[in-house]
Amino acid sequence: MQRIVARCWEDEAFKERLLADPAATLAAEGVQVPEGVTINVAVDSEDVRTLVIPLRQPVELGDAQLQSAVAGAPYMGACGPIVYPWAVRYVPV
């Protein structure tokens, strides 16, 4: 997704296509959108920021992860990194 955001910053026509038809534009970029899933695209401005609360995925721990949790070790599980929009440094072009 970082590549998609960077392209939007560099290419206004691409950003407009993404806003008009997110699923088709992402598919053209090799991003698989599951059937029946709707993609919403929001554009932040100077005075409006978007906070996205990701869908909480149920996590099933295996025996090794449960043993680590009981021993006090942190679980490093299935969740990938979350990119918060306000953590991305904006560099005007």
N, C-alpha and C. Protein backbone atom coordinates (compact mmCIF):
# COMPACT_ATOMS: atom_id res chain seq x y z
N MET A 1 0.81 -1.19 0.00
CA MET A 1 0.00 0.00 0.00
C MET A 1 0.86 1.27 0.00
N GLN A 2 2.04 1.19 0.57
CA GLN A 2 2.91 2.37 0.57
C GLN A 2 3.26 2.78 -0.85
N ARG A 3 3.45 1.80 -1.74
CA ARG A 3 3.75 2.10 -3.14
C ARG A 3 2.56 2.80 -3.80
N ILE A 4 1.35 2.37 -3.47
CA ILE A 4 0.13 2.97 -4.02
C ILE A 4 0.01 4.42 -3.55
N VAL A 5 0.22 4.66 -2.26
CA VAL A 5 0.15 6.02 -1.72
C VAL A 5 1.20 6.91 -2.37
N ALA A 6 2.43 6.42 -2.49
CA ALA A 6 3.49 7.22 -3.11
C ALA A 6 3.13 7.55 -4.55
N ARG A 7 2.54 6.61 -5.26
CA ARG A 7 2.16 6.88 -6.65
C ARG A 7 1.07 7.94 -6.71
N CYS A 8 0.14 7.92 -5.76
CA CYS A 8 -0.90 8.96 -5.70
C CYS A 8 -0.29 10.33 -5.50
N TRP A 9 0.75 10.42 -4.68
CA TRP A 9 1.42 11.71 -4.45
C TRP A 9 2.10 12.21 -5.72
N GLU A 10 2.60 11.29 -6.53
CA GLU A 10 3.37 11.66 -7.71
C GLU A 10 2.52 11.79 -8.98
N ASP A 11 1.37 11.11 -9.03
CA ASP A 11 0.60 11.00 -10.27
C ASP A 11 -0.87 11.31 -9.99
N GLU A 12 -1.29 12.54 -10.27
CA GLU A 12 -2.65 12.98 -9.99
C GLU A 12 -3.68 12.14 -10.76
N ALA A 13 -3.38 11.78 -12.01
CA ALA A 13 -4.31 10.97 -12.80
C ALA A 13 -4.53 9.59 -12.16
N PHE A 14 -3.45 9.00 -11.65
CA PHE A 14 -3.57 7.71 -10.95
C PHE A 14 -4.45 7.86 -9.72
N LYS A 15 -4.22 8.94 -8.95
CA LYS A 15 -5.02 9.18 -7.74
C LYS A 15 -6.50 9.31 -8.10
N GLU A 16 -6.81 10.01 -9.17
CA GLU A 16 -8.20 10.18 -9.59
C GLU A 16 -8.82 8.84 -10.00
N ARG A 17 -8.04 7.99 -10.68
CA ARG A 17 -8.54 6.65 -11.05
C ARG A 17 -8.80 5.82 -9.79
N LEU A 18 -7.90 5.91 -8.82
CA LEU A 18 -8.06 5.17 -7.57
C LEU A 18 -9.31 5.63 -6.83
N LEU A 19 -9.55 6.94 -6.80
CA LEU A 19 -10.75 7.46 -6.15
C LEU A 19 -12.02 7.03 -6.88
N ALA A 20 -11.97 7.01 -8.22
CA ALA A 20 -13.15 6.68 -9.01
C ALA A 20 -13.48 5.19 -8.99
N ASP A 21 -12.46 4.34 -9.03
CA ASP A 21 -12.67 2.89 -9.08
C ASP A 21 -11.53 2.17 -8.35
N PRO A 22 -11.60 2.16 -7.02
CA PRO A 22 -10.50 1.60 -6.23
C PRO A 22 -10.17 0.14 -6.56
N ALA A 23 -11.17 -0.72 -6.66
CA ALA A 23 -10.90 -2.15 -6.87
C ALA A 23 -10.20 -2.39 -8.20
N ALA A 24 -10.68 -1.77 -9.26
CA ALA A 24 -10.06 -1.98 -10.58
C ALA A 24 -8.66 -1.39 -10.64
N THR A 25 -8.47 -0.24 -10.02
CA THR A 25 -7.16 0.40 -10.03
C THR A 25 -6.15 -0.43 -9.24
N LEU A 26 -6.56 -0.93 -8.09
CA LEU A 26 -5.66 -1.78 -7.29
C LEU A 26 -5.37 -3.09 -8.02
N ALA A 27 -6.39 -3.68 -8.65
CA ALA A 27 -6.18 -4.92 -9.40
C ALA A 27 -5.17 -4.70 -10.53
N ALA A 28 -5.26 -3.54 -11.20
CA ALA A 28 -4.31 -3.23 -12.28
C ALA A 28 -2.89 -3.10 -11.75
N GLU A 29 -2.75 -2.80 -10.47
CA GLU A 29 -1.43 -2.68 -9.84
C GLU A 29 -0.99 -3.99 -9.18
N GLY A 30 -1.77 -5.06 -9.37
CA GLY A 30 -1.38 -6.36 -8.83
C GLY A 30 -1.85 -6.63 -7.41
N VAL A 31 -2.72 -5.76 -6.88
CA VAL A 31 -3.26 -5.96 -5.53
C VAL A 31 -4.55 -6.75 -5.66
N GLN A 32 -4.61 -7.90 -5.01
CA GLN A 32 -5.81 -8.73 -5.08
C GLN A 32 -6.86 -8.23 -4.10
N VAL A 33 -8.03 -7.94 -4.64
CA VAL A 33 -9.17 -7.54 -3.82
C VAL A 33 -10.16 -8.69 -3.84
N PRO A 34 -10.44 -9.27 -2.67
CA PRO A 34 -11.36 -10.42 -2.63
C PRO A 34 -12.75 -10.05 -3.17
N GLU A 35 -13.38 -11.01 -3.81
CA GLU A 35 -14.74 -10.83 -4.33
C GLU A 35 -15.67 -10.41 -3.20
N GLY A 36 -16.48 -9.40 -3.45
CA GLY A 36 -17.45 -8.94 -2.45
C GLY A 36 -16.90 -7.93 -1.47
N VAL A 37 -15.62 -7.59 -1.57
CA VAL A 37 -15.02 -6.60 -0.66
C VAL A 37 -15.06 -5.23 -1.33
N THR A 38 -15.53 -4.24 -0.58
CA THR A 38 -15.57 -2.86 -1.06
C THR A 38 -14.36 -2.12 -0.51
N ILE A 39 -13.68 -1.38 -1.37
CA ILE A 39 -12.52 -0.58 -0.95
C ILE A 39 -12.96 0.87 -0.90
N ASN A 40 -12.76 1.52 0.26
CA ASN A 40 -13.02 2.94 0.42
C ASN A 40 -11.69 3.68 0.42
N VAL A 41 -11.60 4.75 -0.34
CA VAL A 41 -10.38 5.55 -0.39
C VAL A 41 -10.72 6.94 0.14
N ALA A 42 -9.93 7.42 1.08
CA ALA A 42 -10.13 8.75 1.65
C ALA A 42 -8.85 9.55 1.45
N VAL A 43 -9.00 10.83 1.19
CA VAL A 43 -7.86 11.71 1.00
C VAL A 43 -7.82 12.69 2.17
N ASP A 44 -6.71 12.70 2.90
CA ASP A 44 -6.54 13.64 4.00
C ASP A 44 -6.26 15.03 3.45
N SER A 45 -6.52 16.04 4.27
CA SER A 45 -6.21 17.41 3.91
C SER A 45 -5.47 18.05 5.09
N GLU A 46 -5.17 19.32 4.97
CA GLU A 46 -4.45 20.01 6.04
C GLU A 46 -5.20 19.95 7.37
N ASP A 47 -6.54 20.04 7.31
CA ASP A 47 -7.31 20.09 8.54
C ASP A 47 -8.19 18.86 8.79
N VAL A 48 -8.05 17.83 7.96
CA VAL A 48 -8.81 16.59 8.14
C VAL A 48 -7.85 15.41 8.05
N ARG A 49 -7.88 14.55 9.06
CA ARG A 49 -7.08 13.34 9.07
C ARG A 49 -8.01 12.15 9.22
N THR A 50 -7.66 11.03 8.63
CA THR A 50 -8.48 9.82 8.67
C THR A 50 -7.82 8.80 9.59
N LEU A 51 -8.59 8.30 10.53
CA LEU A 51 -8.13 7.23 11.42
C LEU A 51 -8.89 5.97 11.02
N VAL A 52 -8.17 4.95 10.62
CA VAL A 52 -8.79 3.69 10.22
C VAL A 52 -8.57 2.68 11.34
N ILE A 53 -9.64 2.09 11.78
CA ILE A 53 -9.56 1.03 12.78
C ILE A 53 -9.64 -0.29 12.02
N PRO A 54 -8.51 -1.01 11.92
CA PRO A 54 -8.50 -2.26 11.15
C PRO A 54 -9.44 -3.29 11.75
N LEU A 55 -9.93 -4.17 10.89
CA LEU A 55 -10.76 -5.29 11.32
C LEU A 55 -9.96 -6.16 12.26
N ARG A 56 -10.52 -6.48 13.39
CA ARG A 56 -9.83 -7.35 14.35
C ARG A 56 -9.97 -8.79 13.89
N GLN A 57 -8.85 -9.42 13.64
CA GLN A 57 -8.83 -10.81 13.19
C GLN A 57 -8.71 -11.72 14.41
N PRO A 58 -9.51 -12.77 14.46
CA PRO A 58 -9.35 -13.72 15.56
C PRO A 58 -8.00 -14.42 15.44
N VAL A 59 -7.34 -14.56 16.55
CA VAL A 59 -6.02 -15.19 16.56
C VAL A 59 -6.12 -16.50 17.32
N GLU A 60 -5.72 -17.57 16.67
CA GLU A 60 -5.68 -18.87 17.33
C GLU A 60 -4.22 -19.21 17.58
N LEU A 61 -3.90 -19.43 18.84
CA LEU A 61 -2.53 -19.74 19.21
C LEU A 61 -2.31 -21.25 19.21
N GLY A 62 -1.16 -21.64 18.69
CA GLY A 62 -0.76 -23.03 18.74
C GLY A 62 -0.13 -23.34 20.09
N ASP A 63 0.24 -24.58 20.29
CA ASP A 63 0.82 -24.99 21.57
C ASP A 63 2.07 -24.19 21.92
N ALA A 64 2.95 -23.96 20.94
CA ALA A 64 4.20 -23.24 21.22
C ALA A 64 3.91 -21.80 21.64
N GLN A 65 2.96 -21.15 20.97
CA GLN A 65 2.63 -19.77 21.33
C GLN A 65 1.96 -19.71 22.70
N LEU A 66 1.10 -20.67 22.99
CA LEU A 66 0.46 -20.70 24.32
C LEU A 66 1.51 -20.91 25.40
N GLN A 67 2.46 -21.80 25.16
CA GLN A 67 3.52 -22.07 26.13
C GLN A 67 4.34 -20.80 26.37
N SER A 68 4.64 -20.05 25.28
CA SER A 68 5.39 -18.80 25.42
C SER A 68 4.60 -17.78 26.21
N ALA A 69 3.29 -17.70 25.95
CA ALA A 69 2.44 -16.74 26.66
C ALA A 69 2.41 -17.06 28.14
N VAL A 70 2.30 -18.34 28.47
CA VAL A 70 2.28 -18.75 29.88
C VAL A 70 3.61 -18.42 30.53
N ALA A 71 4.70 -18.55 29.78
CA ALA A 71 6.04 -18.26 30.31
C ALA A 71 6.31 -16.77 30.40
N GLY A 72 5.40 -15.94 29.85
CA GLY A 72 5.59 -14.50 29.93
C GLY A 72 6.23 -13.88 28.71
N ALA A 73 6.50 -14.67 27.68
CA ALA A 73 7.10 -14.12 26.46
C ALA A 73 6.02 -13.46 25.62
N PRO A 74 6.34 -12.36 24.95
CA PRO A 74 5.33 -11.72 24.10
C PRO A 74 5.02 -12.57 22.89
N TYR A 75 3.78 -12.53 22.46
CA TYR A 75 3.37 -13.26 21.26
C TYR A 75 3.61 -12.40 20.03
N MET A 76 4.39 -12.88 19.11
CA MET A 76 4.64 -12.21 17.84
C MET A 76 3.83 -12.96 16.80
N GLY A 77 2.62 -12.50 16.54
CA GLY A 77 1.70 -13.31 15.78
C GLY A 77 1.43 -12.90 14.37
N ALA A 78 0.21 -13.13 13.94
CA ALA A 78 -0.19 -13.07 12.55
C ALA A 78 -0.43 -11.66 12.03
N CYS A 79 -0.46 -10.67 12.88
CA CYS A 79 -0.76 -9.31 12.42
C CYS A 79 0.45 -8.70 11.75
N GLY A 80 0.23 -8.10 10.60
CA GLY A 80 1.29 -7.40 9.90
C GLY A 80 1.42 -5.99 10.44
N PRO A 81 2.36 -5.22 9.91
CA PRO A 81 2.55 -3.86 10.40
C PRO A 81 1.37 -2.98 10.02
N ILE A 82 1.06 -2.05 10.90
CA ILE A 82 -0.01 -1.08 10.64
C ILE A 82 0.67 0.25 10.38
N VAL A 83 0.31 0.89 9.29
CA VAL A 83 0.87 2.19 8.97
C VAL A 83 -0.16 3.24 9.31
N TYR A 84 0.18 4.10 10.25
CA TYR A 84 -0.71 5.17 10.63
C TYR A 84 -0.41 6.39 9.78
N PRO A 85 -1.43 7.01 9.18
CA PRO A 85 -1.19 8.12 8.26
C PRO A 85 -0.38 9.25 8.88
N TRP A 86 -0.58 9.52 10.17
CA TRP A 86 0.15 10.63 10.78
C TRP A 86 1.61 10.27 11.06
N ALA A 87 1.96 9.01 10.90
CA ALA A 87 3.36 8.60 11.11
C ALA A 87 4.18 8.68 9.83
N VAL A 88 3.51 8.91 8.72
CA VAL A 88 4.20 9.00 7.44
C VAL A 88 4.64 10.44 7.23
N ARG A 89 5.89 10.62 6.95
CA ARG A 89 6.42 11.97 6.75
C ARG A 89 6.01 12.45 5.38
N TYR A 90 5.35 13.58 5.33
CA TYR A 90 4.90 14.16 4.07
C TYR A 90 6.00 15.07 3.53
N VAL A 91 6.39 14.80 2.30
CA VAL A 91 7.39 15.63 1.64
C VAL A 91 6.75 16.24 0.41
N PRO A 92 6.49 17.56 0.43
CA PRO A 92 5.84 18.17 -0.73
C PRO A 92 6.71 18.06 -1.97
N VAL A 93 6.06 17.88 -3.12
CA VAL A 93 6.81 17.79 -4.38
C VAL A 93 6.64 19.06 -5.19
